[in-house]
Amino acid sequence: MMHDPGTLVFRRSRFRTTLILALVPVMVGAAYFVAVQAPDPFHRAVGWLGVVFFGAGTFPLLHAIWKGGIELTMDASGFTYRRSGLGTVPWTEVTDCSETIIYGHRILCFRLRNADLHFGLLSRRRRLEHALNQRMGYGDVCISFQALRPGLEEALAFIRNLGTIPMR
């Protein structure tokens, strides 16, 4: 039996993203220290790679702070996850829903009935992400609630309230 749960909107928390951004100088500084102080060339190279890696993380974080806004929407007809590029996915296309824990982070995963049809029109990068998720056994669409409000518990309650999607 399907209940009308209304609409649940998940927004990216600018405050949490700013806190993550505050860690960038610490990580870049630590990597720079290793790059300058390491006794051998291998560890110096690793340090410089860390400077580049953590420094490059600044741009997506600034973009997320600036853009903020709605990341995920769930309603009685389906869900829209802005990052996936899929548009609105109807609940009738979702065959399975599960919560997965990766390195202590809880992630909501959906398996889709016709995943190849949905992902076939997306960019090569998105198709590769999808293939990697498949190989690792996570699902077709994986959503992290790390900086989203409300959180994963509310999403799971919403999906359970729908009563149409099997949950593992």
Protein backbone atom coordinates (compact mmCIF):
# COMPACT_ATOMS: atom_id res chain seq x y z
CA MET A 1 0.00 0.00 0.00
CA MET A 2 1.39 3.39 -0.97
CA HIS A 3 0.95 6.41 1.28
CA ASP A 4 1.32 10.00 0.10
CA PRO A 5 4.34 11.16 2.05
CA GLY A 6 4.54 14.62 0.46
CA THR A 7 7.91 15.90 -0.68
CA LEU A 8 11.21 15.60 1.16
CA VAL A 9 13.92 18.07 0.12
CA PHE A 10 17.58 17.55 1.03
CA ARG A 11 19.82 20.62 0.97
CA ARG A 12 23.60 20.82 0.97
CA SER A 13 24.76 22.31 4.24
CA ARG A 14 27.02 25.28 3.51
CA PHE A 15 28.21 25.25 7.12
CA ARG A 16 29.40 21.62 6.99
CA THR A 17 31.08 22.17 3.65
CA THR A 18 32.85 25.21 5.10
CA LEU A 19 34.11 23.07 7.97
CA ILE A 20 35.54 20.59 5.48
CA LEU A 21 37.10 23.47 3.56
CA ALA A 22 38.80 24.60 6.78
CA LEU A 23 40.72 21.30 6.77
CA VAL A 24 42.27 22.01 3.35
CA PRO A 25 45.08 24.29 4.63
CA VAL A 26 45.90 21.75 7.34
CA MET A 27 46.16 18.90 4.85
CA VAL A 28 48.09 20.99 2.31
CA GLY A 29 50.43 22.15 5.08
CA ALA A 30 51.05 18.60 6.29
CA ALA A 31 51.74 17.41 2.75
CA TYR A 32 54.05 20.38 2.14
CA PHE A 33 55.94 19.60 5.33
CA VAL A 34 56.48 16.02 4.13
CA ALA A 35 57.49 17.29 0.66
CA VAL A 36 60.12 19.62 2.10
CA GLN A 37 61.37 17.64 5.10
CA ALA A 38 61.35 14.04 3.85
CA PRO A 39 64.82 12.52 3.61
CA ASP A 40 64.28 10.51 0.43
CA PRO A 41 62.89 11.39 -3.03
CA PHE A 42 59.98 8.93 -2.84
CA HIS A 43 58.46 10.53 0.26
CA ARG A 44 59.10 14.02 -1.10
CA ALA A 45 57.23 13.07 -4.28
CA VAL A 46 54.35 11.69 -2.19
CA GLY A 47 54.30 14.97 -0.27
CA TRP A 48 54.08 17.02 -3.46
CA LEU A 49 51.30 14.78 -4.75
CA GLY A 50 49.47 15.44 -1.47
CA VAL A 51 49.88 19.20 -1.94
CA VAL A 52 48.37 18.96 -5.43
CA PHE A 53 45.61 16.55 -4.37
CA PHE A 54 44.44 18.45 -1.29
CA GLY A 55 44.94 21.82 -2.97
CA ALA A 56 42.77 20.72 -5.88
CA GLY A 57 40.05 19.80 -3.37
CA THR A 58 39.60 23.50 -2.71
CA PHE A 59 37.79 24.16 -5.98
CA PRO A 60 34.97 21.59 -5.65
CA LEU A 61 34.43 22.66 -2.05
CA LEU A 62 34.20 26.34 -3.00
CA HIS A 63 31.80 25.38 -5.78
CA ALA A 64 29.65 23.42 -3.31
CA ILE A 65 29.60 26.33 -0.86
CA TRP A 66 28.66 28.77 -3.58
CA LYS A 67 26.09 26.54 -5.24
CA GLY A 68 24.62 25.04 -2.06
CA GLY A 69 20.94 24.49 -2.50
CA ILE A 70 18.86 21.42 -3.19
CA GLU A 71 20.82 18.22 -3.81
CA LEU A 72 18.10 15.56 -3.55
CA THR A 73 14.31 15.57 -3.73
CA MET A 74 12.02 12.66 -2.92
CA ASP A 75 8.29 12.61 -3.51
CA ALA A 76 5.57 10.06 -4.22
CA SER A 77 6.54 9.79 -7.90
CA GLY A 78 10.32 9.32 -7.54
CA PHE A 79 13.60 10.92 -6.58
CA THR A 80 15.80 13.52 -8.24
CA TYR A 81 19.49 13.46 -7.33
CA ARG A 82 21.21 16.47 -8.86
CA ARG A 83 24.69 14.90 -8.96
CA SER A 84 23.62 11.79 -10.86
CA GLY A 85 22.50 13.64 -13.97
CA LEU A 86 19.62 11.20 -14.37
CA GLY A 87 16.80 13.65 -13.77
CA THR A 88 13.79 12.30 -11.89
CA VAL A 89 13.89 8.53 -11.43
CA PRO A 90 10.40 7.08 -10.84
CA TRP A 91 10.02 4.72 -7.87
CA THR A 92 8.70 2.12 -10.33
CA GLU A 93 12.26 1.96 -11.76
CA VAL A 94 13.80 1.25 -8.33
CA THR A 95 14.04 -2.48 -7.66
CA ASP A 96 16.02 -2.39 -4.42
CA CYS A 97 17.17 0.06 -1.77
CA SER A 98 19.93 -0.55 0.76
CA GLU A 99 22.11 1.23 3.25
CA THR A 100 25.83 0.61 2.80
CA ILE A 101 28.66 1.61 5.09
CA ILE A 102 31.95 2.58 3.44
CA TYR A 103 34.77 3.50 5.81
CA GLY A 104 32.25 4.52 8.46
CA HIS A 105 30.12 6.64 6.10
CA ARG A 106 26.53 5.54 5.59
CA ILE A 107 25.40 5.64 1.97
CA LEU A 108 21.97 5.04 0.45
CA CYS A 109 22.11 2.83 -2.65
CA PHE A 110 19.39 2.21 -5.24
CA ARG A 111 19.32 -0.53 -7.86
CA LEU A 112 17.39 0.38 -10.98
CA ARG A 113 15.29 -1.85 -13.19
CA ASN A 114 16.76 -0.54 -16.48
CA ALA A 115 20.06 0.96 -15.37
CA ASP A 116 21.70 0.70 -18.80
CA LEU A 117 18.84 2.65 -20.33
CA HIS A 118 19.23 5.46 -17.76
CA PHE A 119 23.02 5.63 -17.78
CA GLY A 120 23.49 5.03 -21.52
CA LEU A 121 22.82 8.66 -22.39
CA LEU A 122 25.13 10.15 -19.75
CA SER A 123 28.74 11.25 -20.12
CA ARG A 124 31.57 8.74 -20.20
CA ARG A 125 32.67 9.76 -16.69
CA ARG A 126 29.19 9.10 -15.26
CA ARG A 127 29.03 5.72 -17.02
CA LEU A 128 32.44 4.79 -15.58
CA GLU A 129 31.28 5.79 -12.08
CA HIS A 130 28.21 3.62 -12.57
CA ALA A 131 30.30 0.67 -13.75
CA LEU A 132 32.61 1.02 -10.75
CA ASN A 133 29.66 1.09 -8.35
CA GLN A 134 28.32 -2.05 -10.05
CA ARG A 135 31.64 -3.91 -9.77
CA MET A 136 31.92 -3.02 -6.09
CA GLY A 137 28.35 -4.21 -5.50
CA TYR A 138 26.89 -0.94 -4.22
CA GLY A 139 24.04 -0.18 -6.59
CA ASP A 140 23.25 2.01 -9.56
CA VAL A 141 22.76 5.27 -7.66
CA CYS A 142 24.68 5.87 -4.41
CA ILE A 143 23.91 8.91 -2.29
CA SER A 144 26.07 10.18 0.56
CA PHE A 145 24.31 12.29 3.17
CA GLN A 146 27.56 13.67 4.60
CA ALA A 147 26.67 17.34 4.12
CA LEU A 148 22.93 17.00 3.45
CA ARG A 149 20.10 18.07 5.71
CA PRO A 150 17.85 16.30 6.63
CA GLY A 151 19.90 13.13 6.90
CA LEU A 152 19.85 9.48 5.93
CA GLU A 153 17.42 8.47 8.68
CA GLU A 154 14.74 10.74 7.24
CA ALA A 155 15.35 9.37 3.73
CA LEU A 156 15.02 5.78 4.96
CA ALA A 157 11.83 6.63 6.87
CA PHE A 158 10.41 8.29 3.74
CA ILE A 159 11.17 5.22 1.60
CA ARG A 160 9.73 2.84 4.21
CA ASN A 161 6.59 5.00 4.33
CA LEU A 162 6.16 4.54 0.57
CA GLY A 163 5.92 0.81 1.13
CA THR A 164 6.68 -0.10 -2.50
CA ILE A 165 10.45 -0.58 -2.53
CA PRO A 166 12.20 -3.63 -1.05
CA MET A 167 14.83 -2.61 1.48
CA ARG A 168 17.84 -4.62 2.55
